[in-house]
């Protein structure tokens, strides 16, 4: 996609603090981190959202999920991390290129959804 910021990062047209790259996946630090560790895992293939994945993307998605704990540990998340995939407007997706946020650090992350009781 010509106007996709993540596609431009993958192509090197926009600089990033890269963590990892292979033929299918690109990973880089978030420019507005919400925790000591906050990076993205994105497919190089432009898929707008999790809502747009198909069976043919199964191996690619599996590769992202398998890579997440390895990179999280390398970045310092030795006692856990959070994986977030925002999907669509209501889900808070801001960039319409599928991406997983990996968030962690040394302290316990705040509760995402409070218990209603």
N, C-alpha and C. Protein backbone atom coordinates (compact mmCIF):
# COMPACT_ATOMS: atom_id res chain seq x y z
N UNK A 1 0.83 -1.17 0.00
CA UNK A 1 0.00 0.00 0.00
C UNK A 1 0.88 1.24 0.00
N UNK A 2 0.61 2.15 -0.89
CA UNK A 2 1.45 3.33 -1.07
C UNK A 2 1.48 4.26 0.14
N UNK A 3 0.38 4.41 0.83
CA UNK A 3 0.31 5.37 1.94
C UNK A 3 0.44 4.72 3.32
N UNK A 4 0.72 3.45 3.38
CA UNK A 4 0.81 2.74 4.66
C UNK A 4 2.15 3.03 5.33
N UNK A 5 2.10 3.61 6.52
CA UNK A 5 3.32 3.96 7.24
C UNK A 5 4.17 2.72 7.55
N UNK A 6 3.53 1.59 7.88
CA UNK A 6 4.30 0.39 8.19
C UNK A 6 4.94 -0.20 6.93
N UNK A 7 4.27 -0.12 5.80
CA UNK A 7 4.89 -0.56 4.54
C UNK A 7 6.11 0.30 4.23
N UNK A 8 6.03 1.60 4.51
CA UNK A 8 7.16 2.51 4.29
C UNK A 8 8.31 2.19 5.25
N UNK A 9 8.00 1.81 6.48
CA UNK A 9 9.04 1.42 7.44
C UNK A 9 9.73 0.14 6.95
N UNK A 10 8.96 -0.83 6.50
CA UNK A 10 9.52 -2.09 5.99
C UNK A 10 10.46 -1.81 4.82
N UNK A 11 10.07 -0.90 3.92
CA UNK A 11 10.89 -0.57 2.75
C UNK A 11 12.10 0.30 3.08
N UNK A 12 12.17 0.81 4.32
CA UNK A 12 13.27 1.68 4.71
C UNK A 12 13.05 3.13 4.33
N UNK A 13 11.86 3.48 3.88
CA UNK A 13 11.55 4.86 3.50
C UNK A 13 11.35 5.74 4.73
N UNK A 14 10.97 5.14 5.84
CA UNK A 14 10.83 5.82 7.12
C UNK A 14 11.73 5.08 8.10
N UNK A 15 12.58 5.80 8.82
CA UNK A 15 13.50 5.11 9.74
C UNK A 15 12.76 4.47 10.92
N UNK A 16 13.35 3.40 11.43
CA UNK A 16 12.80 2.74 12.62
C UNK A 16 13.95 2.15 13.42
N UNK A 17 13.67 1.84 14.65
CA UNK A 17 14.65 1.17 15.50
C UNK A 17 14.35 -0.32 15.41
N UNK A 18 14.91 -0.94 14.39
CA UNK A 18 14.61 -2.34 14.05
C UNK A 18 15.15 -3.29 15.11
N UNK A 19 14.34 -4.31 15.41
CA UNK A 19 14.73 -5.38 16.32
C UNK A 19 15.03 -6.65 15.55
N UNK A 20 14.21 -6.92 14.53
CA UNK A 20 14.28 -8.20 13.83
C UNK A 20 13.72 -8.04 12.43
N UNK A 21 14.28 -8.82 11.52
CA UNK A 21 13.74 -8.87 10.16
C UNK A 21 14.10 -10.19 9.52
N UNK A 22 13.13 -10.78 8.84
CA UNK A 22 13.39 -11.92 7.96
C UNK A 22 12.54 -11.71 6.71
N UNK A 23 12.37 -12.74 5.91
CA UNK A 23 11.66 -12.55 4.64
C UNK A 23 10.16 -12.25 4.83
N UNK A 24 9.61 -12.61 5.99
CA UNK A 24 8.18 -12.46 6.22
C UNK A 24 7.78 -11.44 7.28
N UNK A 25 8.68 -11.19 8.23
CA UNK A 25 8.34 -10.43 9.43
C UNK A 25 9.31 -9.27 9.63
N UNK A 26 8.80 -8.18 10.17
CA UNK A 26 9.62 -7.03 10.55
C UNK A 26 9.20 -6.64 11.96
N UNK A 27 10.17 -6.31 12.80
CA UNK A 27 9.89 -5.92 14.17
C UNK A 27 10.70 -4.68 14.52
N UNK A 28 10.06 -3.74 15.23
CA UNK A 28 10.73 -2.49 15.58
C UNK A 28 10.11 -1.91 16.85
N UNK A 29 10.87 -1.05 17.52
CA UNK A 29 10.40 -0.40 18.73
C UNK A 29 9.30 0.61 18.40
N UNK A 30 8.28 0.67 19.26
CA UNK A 30 7.21 1.64 19.11
C UNK A 30 7.77 3.04 19.37
N UNK A 31 7.34 4.02 18.59
CA UNK A 31 7.85 5.39 18.78
C UNK A 31 7.21 6.09 19.97
N UNK A 32 6.09 5.55 20.48
CA UNK A 32 5.43 6.09 21.68
C UNK A 32 5.23 4.94 22.68
N UNK A 33 6.32 4.47 23.28
CA UNK A 33 6.20 3.31 24.16
C UNK A 33 5.35 3.60 25.39
N UNK A 34 4.59 2.59 25.80
CA UNK A 34 3.75 2.70 27.00
C UNK A 34 4.33 1.91 28.17
N UNK A 35 5.48 1.28 27.95
CA UNK A 35 6.16 0.49 28.97
C UNK A 35 7.64 0.45 28.59
N UNK A 36 8.50 0.00 29.52
CA UNK A 36 9.93 -0.06 29.21
C UNK A 36 10.25 -0.88 27.95
N UNK A 37 9.48 -1.94 27.72
CA UNK A 37 9.60 -2.71 26.48
C UNK A 37 8.30 -2.54 25.71
N UNK A 38 8.39 -2.06 24.50
CA UNK A 38 7.21 -1.90 23.65
C UNK A 38 7.67 -1.92 22.19
N UNK A 39 7.39 -3.04 21.55
CA UNK A 39 7.77 -3.15 20.14
C UNK A 39 6.62 -3.77 19.35
N UNK A 40 6.75 -3.69 18.04
CA UNK A 40 5.75 -4.21 17.12
C UNK A 40 6.31 -5.40 16.37
N UNK A 41 5.44 -6.32 16.06
CA UNK A 41 5.72 -7.41 15.14
C UNK A 41 4.73 -7.26 14.00
N UNK A 42 5.23 -7.12 12.78
CA UNK A 42 4.32 -6.93 11.65
C UNK A 42 4.71 -7.85 10.50
N UNK A 43 3.71 -8.31 9.77
CA UNK A 43 4.03 -9.07 8.56
C UNK A 43 4.49 -8.10 7.47
N UNK A 44 5.41 -8.53 6.64
CA UNK A 44 5.81 -7.70 5.51
C UNK A 44 4.68 -7.62 4.48
N UNK A 45 3.88 -8.66 4.40
CA UNK A 45 2.71 -8.66 3.54
C UNK A 45 1.68 -7.70 4.12
N UNK A 46 1.20 -6.78 3.31
CA UNK A 46 0.21 -5.84 3.81
C UNK A 46 -1.13 -6.55 3.98
N UNK A 47 -1.54 -6.67 5.24
CA UNK A 47 -2.87 -7.15 5.61
C UNK A 47 -3.43 -6.03 6.48
N UNK A 48 -4.56 -5.48 6.12
CA UNK A 48 -5.05 -4.29 6.79
C UNK A 48 -5.34 -4.51 8.28
N UNK A 49 -5.86 -5.66 8.64
CA UNK A 49 -6.31 -5.86 10.01
C UNK A 49 -6.48 -7.35 10.27
N UNK A 50 -6.57 -7.72 11.53
CA UNK A 50 -6.84 -9.11 11.88
C UNK A 50 -8.17 -9.56 11.28
N UNK A 51 -9.06 -8.63 11.08
CA UNK A 51 -10.35 -8.91 10.48
C UNK A 51 -10.23 -9.31 9.01
N UNK A 52 -9.07 -9.10 8.41
CA UNK A 52 -8.86 -9.40 7.00
C UNK A 52 -8.00 -10.65 6.76
N UNK A 53 -7.65 -11.37 7.81
CA UNK A 53 -6.82 -12.56 7.60
C UNK A 53 -7.66 -13.69 7.02
N UNK A 54 -6.97 -14.54 6.29
CA UNK A 54 -7.61 -15.69 5.65
C UNK A 54 -6.79 -16.93 5.98
N UNK A 55 -7.32 -18.08 5.65
CA UNK A 55 -6.63 -19.34 5.91
C UNK A 55 -5.21 -19.33 5.34
N UNK A 56 -5.01 -18.69 4.20
CA UNK A 56 -3.69 -18.64 3.57
C UNK A 56 -2.66 -17.89 4.42
N UNK A 57 -3.09 -17.13 5.42
CA UNK A 57 -2.19 -16.39 6.29
C UNK A 57 -1.82 -17.16 7.56
N UNK A 58 -2.33 -18.36 7.70
CA UNK A 58 -2.16 -19.15 8.92
C UNK A 58 -0.69 -19.32 9.31
N UNK A 59 0.17 -19.71 8.38
CA UNK A 59 1.59 -19.91 8.70
C UNK A 59 2.25 -18.60 9.11
N UNK A 60 1.92 -17.52 8.44
CA UNK A 60 2.48 -16.21 8.75
C UNK A 60 2.09 -15.77 10.16
N UNK A 61 0.83 -15.94 10.52
CA UNK A 61 0.36 -15.58 11.85
C UNK A 61 1.02 -16.46 12.92
N UNK A 62 1.16 -17.73 12.62
CA UNK A 62 1.84 -18.63 13.55
C UNK A 62 3.29 -18.23 13.77
N UNK A 63 3.94 -17.79 12.71
CA UNK A 63 5.33 -17.35 12.82
C UNK A 63 5.45 -16.12 13.72
N UNK A 64 4.51 -15.20 13.61
CA UNK A 64 4.50 -14.01 14.46
C UNK A 64 4.33 -14.41 15.92
N UNK A 65 3.38 -15.29 16.19
CA UNK A 65 3.12 -15.71 17.57
C UNK A 65 4.31 -16.47 18.15
N UNK A 66 4.96 -17.30 17.37
CA UNK A 66 6.13 -18.04 17.85
C UNK A 66 7.33 -17.12 18.07
N UNK A 67 7.43 -16.07 17.31
CA UNK A 67 8.55 -15.14 17.42
C UNK A 67 8.38 -14.19 18.62
N UNK A 68 7.15 -13.90 19.00
CA UNK A 68 6.89 -12.93 20.07
C UNK A 68 7.63 -13.24 21.37
N UNK A 69 7.56 -14.45 21.94
CA UNK A 69 8.26 -14.68 23.21
C UNK A 69 9.78 -14.64 23.07
N UNK A 70 10.29 -15.07 21.95
CA UNK A 70 11.75 -15.03 21.74
C UNK A 70 12.24 -13.59 21.76
N UNK A 71 11.60 -12.72 20.99
CA UNK A 71 12.01 -11.32 20.94
C UNK A 71 11.73 -10.61 22.26
N UNK A 72 10.61 -10.94 22.90
CA UNK A 72 10.29 -10.31 24.18
C UNK A 72 11.39 -10.61 25.20
N UNK A 73 11.82 -11.84 25.27
CA UNK A 73 12.90 -12.21 26.21
C UNK A 73 14.19 -11.48 25.86
N UNK A 74 14.51 -11.42 24.57
CA UNK A 74 15.73 -10.71 24.14
C UNK A 74 15.67 -9.23 24.51
N UNK A 75 14.47 -8.66 24.57
CA UNK A 75 14.30 -7.24 24.90
C UNK A 75 14.21 -7.00 26.40
N UNK A 76 14.23 -8.07 27.19
CA UNK A 76 14.25 -7.91 28.65
C UNK A 76 13.00 -8.34 29.38
N UNK A 77 12.04 -8.90 28.69
CA UNK A 77 10.82 -9.38 29.34
C UNK A 77 11.04 -10.80 29.84
N UNK A 78 11.68 -10.90 31.00
CA UNK A 78 12.04 -12.22 31.52
C UNK A 78 10.94 -12.84 32.39
N UNK A 79 9.93 -12.05 32.75
CA UNK A 79 8.87 -12.56 33.62
C UNK A 79 7.49 -12.28 33.04
N UNK A 80 7.39 -12.32 31.72
CA UNK A 80 6.10 -12.14 31.06
C UNK A 80 6.01 -10.86 30.24
N UNK A 81 4.98 -10.79 29.44
CA UNK A 81 4.73 -9.65 28.57
C UNK A 81 3.28 -9.71 28.13
N UNK A 82 2.81 -8.64 27.52
CA UNK A 82 1.45 -8.57 26.98
C UNK A 82 1.53 -8.48 25.46
N UNK A 83 0.65 -9.20 24.79
CA UNK A 83 0.54 -9.14 23.34
C UNK A 83 -0.83 -8.57 23.00
N UNK A 84 -0.84 -7.50 22.22
CA UNK A 84 -2.09 -6.83 21.87
C UNK A 84 -2.18 -6.67 20.36
N UNK A 85 -3.32 -7.07 19.80
CA UNK A 85 -3.61 -6.81 18.40
C UNK A 85 -4.92 -6.02 18.37
N UNK A 86 -4.83 -4.72 18.15
CA UNK A 86 -6.02 -3.88 18.02
C UNK A 86 -6.62 -4.13 16.65
N UNK A 87 -7.94 -4.28 16.60
CA UNK A 87 -8.59 -4.61 15.33
C UNK A 87 -9.75 -3.66 15.07
N UNK A 88 -9.64 -2.91 14.00
CA UNK A 88 -10.71 -2.00 13.59
C UNK A 88 -10.84 -0.77 14.47
N UNK A 89 -11.73 0.10 14.08
CA UNK A 89 -11.94 1.37 14.76
C UNK A 89 -12.32 1.17 16.23
N UNK A 90 -13.29 0.32 16.48
CA UNK A 90 -13.75 0.09 17.86
C UNK A 90 -12.65 -0.56 18.69
N UNK A 91 -11.81 -1.37 18.07
CA UNK A 91 -10.71 -2.03 18.77
C UNK A 91 -9.50 -1.13 18.99
N UNK A 92 -9.56 0.10 18.50
CA UNK A 92 -8.48 1.05 18.72
C UNK A 92 -7.36 0.99 17.71
N UNK A 93 -7.57 0.33 16.58
CA UNK A 93 -6.52 0.24 15.57
C UNK A 93 -6.30 1.61 14.94
N UNK A 94 -5.04 2.06 14.94
CA UNK A 94 -4.71 3.37 14.37
C UNK A 94 -4.02 3.24 13.02
N UNK A 95 -3.18 2.22 12.86
CA UNK A 95 -2.50 1.98 11.58
C UNK A 95 -3.11 0.72 10.97
N UNK A 96 -3.64 0.85 9.77
CA UNK A 96 -4.31 -0.28 9.14
C UNK A 96 -3.33 -1.13 8.34
N UNK A 97 -2.43 -1.74 9.10
CA UNK A 97 -1.51 -2.79 8.67
C UNK A 97 -1.41 -3.69 9.90
N UNK A 98 -1.81 -4.92 9.77
CA UNK A 98 -1.84 -5.84 10.91
C UNK A 98 -0.54 -5.75 11.70
N UNK A 99 -0.66 -5.60 13.01
CA UNK A 99 0.53 -5.53 13.87
C UNK A 99 0.19 -5.98 15.28
N UNK A 100 1.17 -6.61 15.90
CA UNK A 100 1.04 -7.03 17.29
C UNK A 100 1.96 -6.16 18.13
N UNK A 101 1.41 -5.57 19.18
CA UNK A 101 2.22 -4.84 20.16
C UNK A 101 2.71 -5.85 21.18
N UNK A 102 3.99 -5.82 21.49
CA UNK A 102 4.55 -6.61 22.57
C UNK A 102 4.99 -5.62 23.63
N UNK A 103 4.41 -5.76 24.84
CA UNK A 103 4.60 -4.76 25.89
C UNK A 103 5.01 -5.46 27.18
N UNK A 104 6.03 -4.91 27.84
CA UNK A 104 6.45 -5.50 29.11
C UNK A 104 7.51 -4.66 29.77
N UNK A 105 8.17 -5.26 30.71
CA UNK A 105 9.21 -4.58 31.46
C UNK A 105 9.43 -5.31 32.77
N UNK A 106 9.85 -4.58 33.76
CA UNK A 106 10.17 -5.21 35.04
C UNK A 106 9.00 -5.21 36.01
N UNK A 107 8.06 -4.31 35.84
CA UNK A 107 6.91 -4.21 36.75
C UNK A 107 5.68 -4.84 36.12
N UNK A 108 4.77 -5.27 36.96
CA UNK A 108 3.51 -5.84 36.46
C UNK A 108 2.74 -4.76 35.71
N UNK A 109 2.22 -5.11 34.56
CA UNK A 109 1.43 -4.18 33.75
C UNK A 109 0.06 -3.96 34.39
N UNK A 110 -0.53 -2.78 34.21
CA UNK A 110 -1.86 -2.54 34.78
C UNK A 110 -2.91 -3.46 34.16
N UNK A 111 -3.96 -3.70 34.89
CA UNK A 111 -5.07 -4.50 34.40
C UNK A 111 -5.68 -3.78 33.20
N UNK A 112 -5.94 -4.53 32.13
CA UNK A 112 -6.51 -3.91 30.93
C UNK A 112 -8.00 -3.67 31.07
N UNK A 113 -8.72 -4.66 31.58
CA UNK A 113 -10.17 -4.55 31.73
C UNK A 113 -10.48 -4.87 33.19
N UNK A 114 -10.96 -3.87 33.94
CA UNK A 114 -11.22 -4.11 35.37
C UNK A 114 -12.32 -5.16 35.58
N UNK A 115 -12.16 -5.93 36.63
CA UNK A 115 -13.18 -6.90 37.01
C UNK A 115 -14.42 -6.16 37.48
N UNK A 116 -15.60 -6.47 36.93
CA UNK A 116 -16.81 -5.71 37.27
C UNK A 116 -17.33 -5.94 38.69
N UNK A 117 -16.80 -6.91 39.40
CA UNK A 117 -17.33 -7.18 40.75
C UNK A 117 -16.81 -6.26 41.81
